[in-house]
Protein backbone atom coordinates (compact mmCIF):
# COMPACT_ATOMS: atom_id res chain seq x y z
CA MET A 1 1.92 13.65 -14.90
CA LEU A 2 3.96 10.91 -13.26
CA LYS A 3 3.89 7.50 -14.91
CA VAL A 4 4.88 4.17 -13.34
CA LEU A 5 5.16 0.64 -14.73
CA VAL A 6 4.24 -2.33 -12.51
CA ILE A 7 5.38 -5.84 -13.45
CA GLY A 8 4.48 -8.97 -11.53
CA ASP A 9 2.04 -11.68 -10.48
CA SER A 10 -1.60 -10.87 -9.75
CA CYS A 11 -4.58 -12.73 -8.34
CA LEU A 12 -8.26 -12.39 -7.57
CA ASP A 13 -9.01 -11.89 -3.87
CA VAL A 14 -12.44 -13.10 -2.80
CA PHE A 15 -13.79 -12.27 0.67
CA GLU A 16 -16.73 -14.40 1.79
CA TYR A 17 -18.29 -12.85 4.89
CA GLY A 18 -20.57 -14.96 7.01
CA ASP A 19 -22.06 -15.84 10.39
CA CYS A 20 -20.07 -18.15 12.72
CA ARG A 21 -22.26 -18.17 15.83
CA ARG A 22 -22.35 -21.92 16.33
CA MET A 23 -20.02 -24.90 16.13
CA CYS A 24 -20.36 -27.72 13.64
CA PRO A 25 -21.70 -30.92 15.30
CA GLU A 26 -19.50 -33.19 13.12
CA ALA A 27 -16.17 -31.62 14.12
CA PRO A 28 -14.76 -28.89 16.40
CA VAL A 29 -14.96 -26.21 13.71
CA PRO A 30 -17.35 -23.26 13.26
CA ALA A 31 -20.40 -23.59 11.01
CA PHE A 32 -20.10 -20.86 8.36
CA ILE A 33 -23.29 -19.26 6.97
CA PRO A 34 -22.47 -16.98 3.98
CA ILE A 35 -23.90 -13.43 4.09
CA HIS A 36 -22.15 -11.42 1.38
CA LYS A 37 -19.07 -11.44 -0.84
CA LYS A 38 -16.47 -8.91 -2.01
CA GLU A 39 -13.94 -9.30 -4.80
CA ASN A 40 -10.91 -7.30 -5.89
CA PHE A 41 -7.66 -7.91 -7.72
CA GLY A 42 -4.59 -8.41 -5.56
CA MET A 43 -0.79 -8.60 -5.55
CA SER A 44 0.71 -6.52 -8.40
CA MET A 45 -2.74 -5.29 -9.48
CA ASN A 46 -3.31 -4.03 -5.95
CA VAL A 47 -0.08 -2.01 -6.17
CA SER A 48 -1.21 -0.63 -9.54
CA LYS A 49 -4.68 0.24 -8.28
CA ASN A 50 -3.34 2.11 -5.27
CA LEU A 51 -0.98 4.15 -7.46
CA MET A 52 -3.82 5.07 -9.82
CA GLU A 53 -5.99 6.15 -6.90
CA LEU A 54 -3.18 8.51 -5.93
CA GLY A 55 -3.39 10.16 -9.34
CA ILE A 56 -0.36 8.46 -10.90
CA LEU A 57 -0.65 7.04 -14.41
CA CYS A 58 0.12 3.36 -14.22
CA ASP A 59 0.66 0.55 -16.74
CA ILE A 60 0.89 -3.07 -15.68
CA VAL A 61 2.35 -6.25 -17.13
CA THR A 62 0.80 -9.24 -15.39
CA ASN A 63 -0.75 -12.67 -15.91
CA ASP A 64 -4.10 -12.97 -17.70
CA SER A 65 -5.29 -16.10 -15.88
CA LYS A 66 -5.67 -15.25 -12.19
CA PRO A 67 -5.17 -17.51 -9.19
CA ILE A 68 -8.12 -17.16 -6.83
CA LYS A 69 -7.69 -16.69 -3.08
CA ILE A 70 -10.97 -17.21 -1.24
CA ARG A 71 -11.05 -16.04 2.36
CA TYR A 72 -13.91 -17.04 4.65
CA ILE A 73 -14.36 -14.38 7.31
CA ASP A 74 -16.59 -14.03 10.38
CA GLU A 75 -18.65 -10.88 9.77
CA ALA A 76 -18.93 -9.93 13.44
CA SER A 77 -15.25 -10.18 14.44
CA ASN A 78 -13.52 -9.84 11.04
CA GLN A 79 -11.66 -13.04 11.98
CA LEU A 80 -10.30 -15.07 9.07
CA ILE A 81 -11.56 -18.66 9.34
CA ILE A 82 -9.78 -20.28 6.39
CA ARG A 83 -8.24 -19.37 3.03
CA VAL A 84 -8.77 -21.58 -0.02
CA ASP A 85 -6.37 -21.12 -2.97
CA ARG A 86 -7.30 -22.16 -6.51
CA ASN A 87 -5.21 -22.19 -9.72
CA ASP A 88 -2.10 -21.23 -7.76
CA ILE A 89 0.32 -21.74 -10.67
CA ILE A 90 0.87 -18.78 -13.02
CA SER A 91 2.09 -19.00 -16.61
CA PRO A 92 5.43 -17.21 -17.15
CA VAL A 93 5.63 -13.92 -19.01
CA LYS A 94 7.19 -14.15 -22.48
CA TRP A 95 10.61 -12.61 -23.04
CA SER A 96 9.28 -10.84 -26.13
CA LYS A 97 6.73 -9.00 -23.96
CA LEU A 98 9.44 -7.68 -21.63
CA LYS A 99 11.76 -6.69 -24.47
CA GLU A 100 9.14 -4.63 -26.32
CA ILE A 101 8.49 -2.33 -23.33
CA LYS A 102 9.76 1.26 -23.63
CA TYR A 103 11.14 1.49 -20.10
CA ASN A 104 12.47 5.02 -20.48
CA SER A 105 8.91 6.34 -20.87
CA TYR A 106 8.27 5.68 -17.14
CA ASP A 107 9.39 7.63 -14.08
CA ALA A 108 9.82 4.40 -12.12
CA VAL A 109 9.36 0.65 -12.49
CA ILE A 110 7.96 -1.57 -9.73
CA ILE A 111 8.59 -5.31 -9.65
CA SER A 112 5.93 -6.98 -7.51
CA ASP A 113 7.08 -10.59 -7.54
CA TYR A 114 5.13 -13.12 -5.51
CA ASN A 115 7.25 -15.98 -6.90
CA LYS A 116 4.25 -17.71 -8.47
CA GLY A 117 6.03 -18.30 -11.78
CA PHE A 118 5.31 -15.11 -13.75
CA LEU A 119 8.91 -13.78 -13.55
CA ASN A 120 12.17 -15.67 -13.25
CA ALA A 121 15.43 -14.31 -11.86
CA ASP A 122 16.98 -13.68 -15.30
CA GLN A 123 13.94 -11.65 -16.37
CA ILE A 124 14.11 -9.53 -13.21
CA LYS A 125 17.81 -8.93 -13.91
CA PHE A 126 16.95 -7.81 -17.45
CA ILE A 127 14.29 -5.39 -16.17
CA SER A 128 16.70 -3.95 -13.59
CA GLN A 129 19.19 -3.21 -16.38
CA SER A 130 16.53 -1.44 -18.45
CA HIS A 131 15.68 1.41 -16.03
CA ASP A 132 17.60 3.43 -13.43
CA LEU A 133 14.82 3.57 -10.82
CA ILE A 134 13.54 0.13 -9.86
CA PHE A 135 11.59 -0.74 -6.71
CA MET A 136 11.20 -4.44 -5.97
CA ASP A 137 9.21 -6.57 -3.57
CA SER A 138 10.07 -10.23 -4.21
CA LYS A 139 9.38 -13.50 -2.43
CA LYS A 140 12.32 -15.19 -4.20
CA LYS A 141 15.61 -16.05 -2.52
CA ILE A 142 17.57 -12.91 -3.35
CA ASP A 143 20.93 -13.31 -5.06
CA ASP A 144 23.21 -11.60 -7.60
CA TRP A 145 20.36 -11.18 -10.09
CA ALA A 146 19.06 -8.36 -7.84
CA GLN A 147 22.28 -6.33 -7.62
CA ASN A 148 21.04 -3.58 -9.99
CA ILE A 149 17.74 -3.05 -8.15
CA ARG A 150 17.83 0.47 -6.69
CA TYR A 151 15.41 -0.20 -3.79
CA ILE A 152 14.33 -3.52 -2.32
CA LYS A 153 11.23 -3.46 -0.12
CA ILE A 154 11.06 -6.50 2.13
CA ASN A 155 9.46 -7.55 5.42
CA GLU A 156 11.52 -8.40 8.49
CA LYS A 157 11.26 -12.19 8.18
CA GLU A 158 12.25 -12.07 4.51
CA PHE A 159 15.14 -9.77 5.38
CA TRP A 160 16.63 -12.25 7.84
CA ASP A 161 16.01 -15.14 5.43
CA ASN A 162 18.13 -13.24 2.87
CA ALA A 163 20.51 -11.57 5.34
CA LYS A 164 23.63 -13.37 4.14
CA TYR A 165 23.39 -11.78 0.69
CA LEU A 166 21.71 -8.49 1.60
CA THR A 167 24.17 -7.58 4.35
CA THR A 168 27.37 -8.53 2.50
CA LYS A 169 26.96 -8.24 -1.27
CA TYR A 170 23.95 -5.99 -1.96
CA LYS A 171 25.09 -2.35 -1.94
CA ASN A 172 21.85 -0.44 -2.55
CA ASN A 173 19.01 0.54 -0.20
CA ILE A 174 16.78 -1.95 1.59
CA ILE A 175 13.45 -0.83 3.08
CA VAL A 176 12.42 -3.31 5.76
CA THR A 177 8.85 -3.20 7.08
CA THR A 178 8.68 -4.19 10.75
CA GLY A 179 4.95 -4.45 11.40
CA LYS A 180 3.61 -2.24 14.19
CA ASN A 181 7.14 -0.91 14.75
CA GLY A 182 7.14 0.87 11.40
CA ALA A 183 10.06 0.43 9.00
CA LYS A 184 13.82 0.73 8.79
CA LEU A 185 16.24 1.68 6.05
CA VAL A 186 19.30 -0.57 5.72
CA PHE A 187 22.27 0.48 3.57
CA THR A 188 26.05 0.31 3.33
CA ASN A 189 27.87 3.61 3.85
CA HIS A 190 31.06 4.86 2.16
CA GLU A 191 33.16 3.04 4.78
CA ASN A 192 31.45 -0.22 3.81
CA LYS A 193 29.64 -0.38 7.15
CA LEU A 194 26.04 -1.57 7.41
CA ILE A 195 23.78 1.22 8.68
CA GLU A 196 20.23 0.93 10.04
CA LYS A 197 17.95 3.95 10.20
CA LYS A 198 14.63 3.33 11.99
CA PHE A 199 11.30 5.01 11.25
CA PRO A 200 8.95 4.10 14.13
CA ILE A 201 5.19 4.52 14.07
CA LYS A 202 4.25 7.19 16.61
CA ARG A 203 0.52 6.44 16.74
CA GLU A 204 -0.59 2.85 17.28
CA HIS A 205 -3.51 1.39 15.31
CA PRO A 206 -5.26 -1.91 16.09
CA VAL A 207 -4.46 -4.57 13.49
CA ARG A 208 -7.60 -6.06 11.91
CA ASP A 209 -6.30 -7.35 8.58
CA LEU A 210 -2.94 -8.09 6.96
CA THR A 211 -4.27 -8.52 3.43
CA GLY A 212 -2.49 -6.28 0.95
CA ALA A 213 -0.53 -4.29 3.55
CA GLY A 214 2.78 -4.80 1.74
CA ASP A 215 1.23 -3.75 -1.57
CA THR A 216 -0.23 -0.63 0.02
CA PHE A 217 3.11 0.26 1.60
CA LEU A 218 4.98 -0.24 -1.68
CA ALA A 219 2.57 1.97 -3.63
CA ALA A 220 2.70 4.66 -0.94
CA LEU A 221 6.50 4.48 -0.78
CA VAL A 222 6.91 4.96 -4.54
CA TYR A 223 4.33 7.76 -4.61
CA GLY A 224 6.07 9.54 -1.73
CA TYR A 225 9.50 9.14 -3.30
CA LEU A 226 8.43 10.53 -6.69
CA THR A 227 6.54 13.48 -5.19
CA ASN A 228 9.09 14.45 -2.52
CA ASP A 229 12.12 15.24 -4.71
CA PHE A 230 13.36 11.63 -4.52
CA ASN A 231 13.88 11.93 -0.76
CA LEU A 232 13.75 8.35 0.53
CA ASP A 233 13.90 9.23 4.24
CA LYS A 234 11.02 11.67 3.94
CA SER A 235 9.02 9.19 1.89
CA ILE A 236 9.37 6.41 4.46
CA LYS A 237 8.72 8.71 7.43
CA THR A 238 5.63 10.27 5.88
CA PHE A 239 4.08 7.26 4.20
CA CYS A 240 5.11 4.35 6.42
CA PRO A 241 1.99 4.80 8.64
CA ILE A 242 -0.32 4.26 5.64
CA SER A 243 -0.14 0.47 5.47
CA LEU A 244 -0.52 0.22 9.26
CA LEU A 245 -3.57 2.48 9.12
CA ALA A 246 -4.94 0.23 6.39
CA LEU A 247 -4.50 -2.77 8.70
CA SER A 248 -6.88 -1.20 11.18
CA LYS A 249 -9.72 -1.23 8.64
CA LYS A 250 -11.89 -4.05 7.30
CA ARG A 251 -10.63 -6.21 4.48
CA ASN A 252 -10.41 -4.64 1.04
CA SER A 253 -6.99 -3.93 -0.36
CA SER A 254 -7.53 -0.49 -1.92
CA ILE A 255 -6.16 2.61 -0.17
CA ASN A 256 -9.39 4.57 -0.69
CA ASN A 257 -11.63 1.72 0.47
CA ARG A 258 -9.60 0.71 3.49
CA CYS A 259 -8.63 4.16 4.69
CA PRO A 260 -11.08 7.09 5.01
CA ILE A 261 -8.38 9.31 3.51
CA GLU A 262 -6.80 10.34 0.27
CA LEU A 263 -3.12 9.46 0.52
CA PRO A 264 -1.94 12.82 -0.87
CA ALA A 265 -3.56 14.41 2.21
CA ILE A 266 -1.22 12.60 4.58
CA HIS A 267 1.31 15.36 5.13
CA LEU A 268 1.95 17.54 8.13
CA SER A 269 0.59 20.50 6.19
CA CYS A 270 -2.50 18.73 4.86
CA LEU A 271 -5.76 17.30 6.09
CA LEU A 272 -5.61 13.89 7.73
CA TYR A 273 -9.05 12.31 7.61
CA THR A 274 -8.98 9.95 10.59
CA SER A 275 -10.99 9.91 13.77
CA ASP A 276 -7.80 9.83 15.89
CA ALA A 277 -6.49 12.96 14.23
CA ALA A 278 -9.88 14.65 14.65
CA ASP A 279 -9.82 13.91 18.37
CA ASP A 280 -6.43 15.64 18.49
CA LEU A 281 -7.84 18.68 16.65
CA LEU A 282 -5.51 18.00 13.73
CA CYS A 283 -8.22 17.79 11.12
CA VAL A 284 -11.81 17.23 10.15
CA ASP A 285 -13.11 13.68 9.69
CA LEU A 286 -15.20 13.77 6.50
CA GLY A 287 -17.12 10.66 7.46
CA GLY A 288 -17.49 11.35 11.16
CA ARG A 289 -20.46 13.58 12.00
CA ARG A 290 -20.26 12.11 15.49
CA ILE A 291 -16.83 13.67 15.93
CA ILE A 292 -17.81 16.98 14.40
CA LYS A 293 -20.84 17.26 16.66
CA LYS A 294 -18.49 17.09 19.63
CA LYS A 295 -16.75 20.21 18.37
CA LYS A 296 -19.56 22.60 17.45
CA THR A 297 -17.41 25.55 18.49
CA ILE A 298 -15.28 25.24 15.37
CA LYS A 299 -15.42 28.59 13.56
CA ILE A 300 -16.10 29.06 9.87
CA ILE A 301 -12.76 30.81 9.52
CA LYS A 302 -11.03 27.64 10.73
CA ILE A 303 -12.80 25.65 8.01
CA ILE A 304 -11.64 28.12 5.39
CA LYS A 305 -8.08 27.92 6.73
CA ILE A 306 -8.14 24.12 6.53
CA ILE A 307 -9.37 24.24 2.93
CA LYS A 308 -6.64 26.73 2.02
CA ILE A 309 -3.95 24.52 3.56
CA TYR A 310 -5.29 21.56 1.62
CA THR A 311 -5.43 23.31 -1.73
CA LYS A 312 -1.96 24.87 -1.33
CA THR A 313 -0.17 21.57 -0.71
CA GLN A 314 2.63 20.87 -3.16
CA HIS A 315 0.98 17.56 -4.08
CA ILE A 316 -2.22 19.10 -5.37
CA ALA A 317 -1.14 18.62 -8.99
CA HIS A 318 -1.17 14.86 -8.50
CA ILE A 319 -4.71 14.70 -7.12
CA PRO A 320 -7.47 14.18 -9.71
CA ASN A 321 -9.74 17.24 -9.93
CA TYR A 322 -12.87 15.27 -9.13
CA GLN A 323 -11.37 14.23 -5.77
CA ILE A 324 -10.68 17.86 -4.86
CA VAL A 325 -14.19 18.93 -5.81
CA GLU A 326 -15.79 16.05 -3.91
CA THR A 327 -13.68 16.79 -0.81
CA LEU A 328 -14.75 20.42 -0.69
CA LYS A 329 -18.40 19.47 -1.31
CA GLN A 330 -18.33 17.03 1.60
CA ILE A 331 -16.77 19.62 3.92
CA LYS A 332 -19.45 22.14 2.96
CA THR A 333 -22.29 19.61 3.43
CA ILE A 334 -21.09 18.39 6.82
CA PHE A 335 -20.56 21.82 8.34
CA THR A 336 -23.81 23.16 6.93
CA LYS A 337 -25.67 20.46 8.88
CA THR A 338 -23.68 20.60 12.11
CA LEU A 339 -22.91 24.26 12.77
């Protein structure tokens, strides 16, 4: 079983959903009437949670006292009205904690650094010298302390903010997320030339929420890399669409909660549980009886074939058994009612 260590800042994300049908008489702002609330841990704990939902064992080193990010959201439109941050300063991790970790017991280490004070540059440099396979997503100004990081994941704005160092001195791989355009891999070749390899998104998804998209992408990237024979190109190409698909769902940072799919199923040879894919006859949407009713001509033998493809995928060993059982039960229930 694969095992990953995540180190970095974490917070508590609070989503207050409410009604914003009228304007406040005292000022030109909406009057917010609370309806319901959702809470989940974010930042590095979101990365860790997504990895665990993919069936990867995951340990985390993070802050005990959590900053709280409260988002007030219009229930009808999913529009963010305002975000209120509390306790935004995080106590730094102790050197003794970092030095007692047995780094070699992990297949990979992820540094999820939101630059809130939990990790300093010297500590990140120490971690990068303690393991050969480090993935990092950092909001710090990147400098020589990052030279041993194997893979840096960064968004496009952050890339250009750090371009002077990343394009001249950093010699490893940079994965740049470019929003709806997908991602690109930036690296220096053997002739010391800077190379860009683009991985566009072929199917567009409407963006409803940016919360946790980077965390979701990072978890999916590491999962794909570890389960695809350390093939970075294949990992980016296959798993880049995940965070964008998550953006098209309502707010809640978990892969399982935001996407009606299990990430291991997102392969060309596996089931893809989305309504778009179902419309293209690529799969069966487990939650969409409306879609299945449109295709009552589907034969039982096709269902069996789909199940066989799913269970023969090379990633089946990394999917918890209960998820496999529940998937097959849902397929059986849905088709029993609709055929």
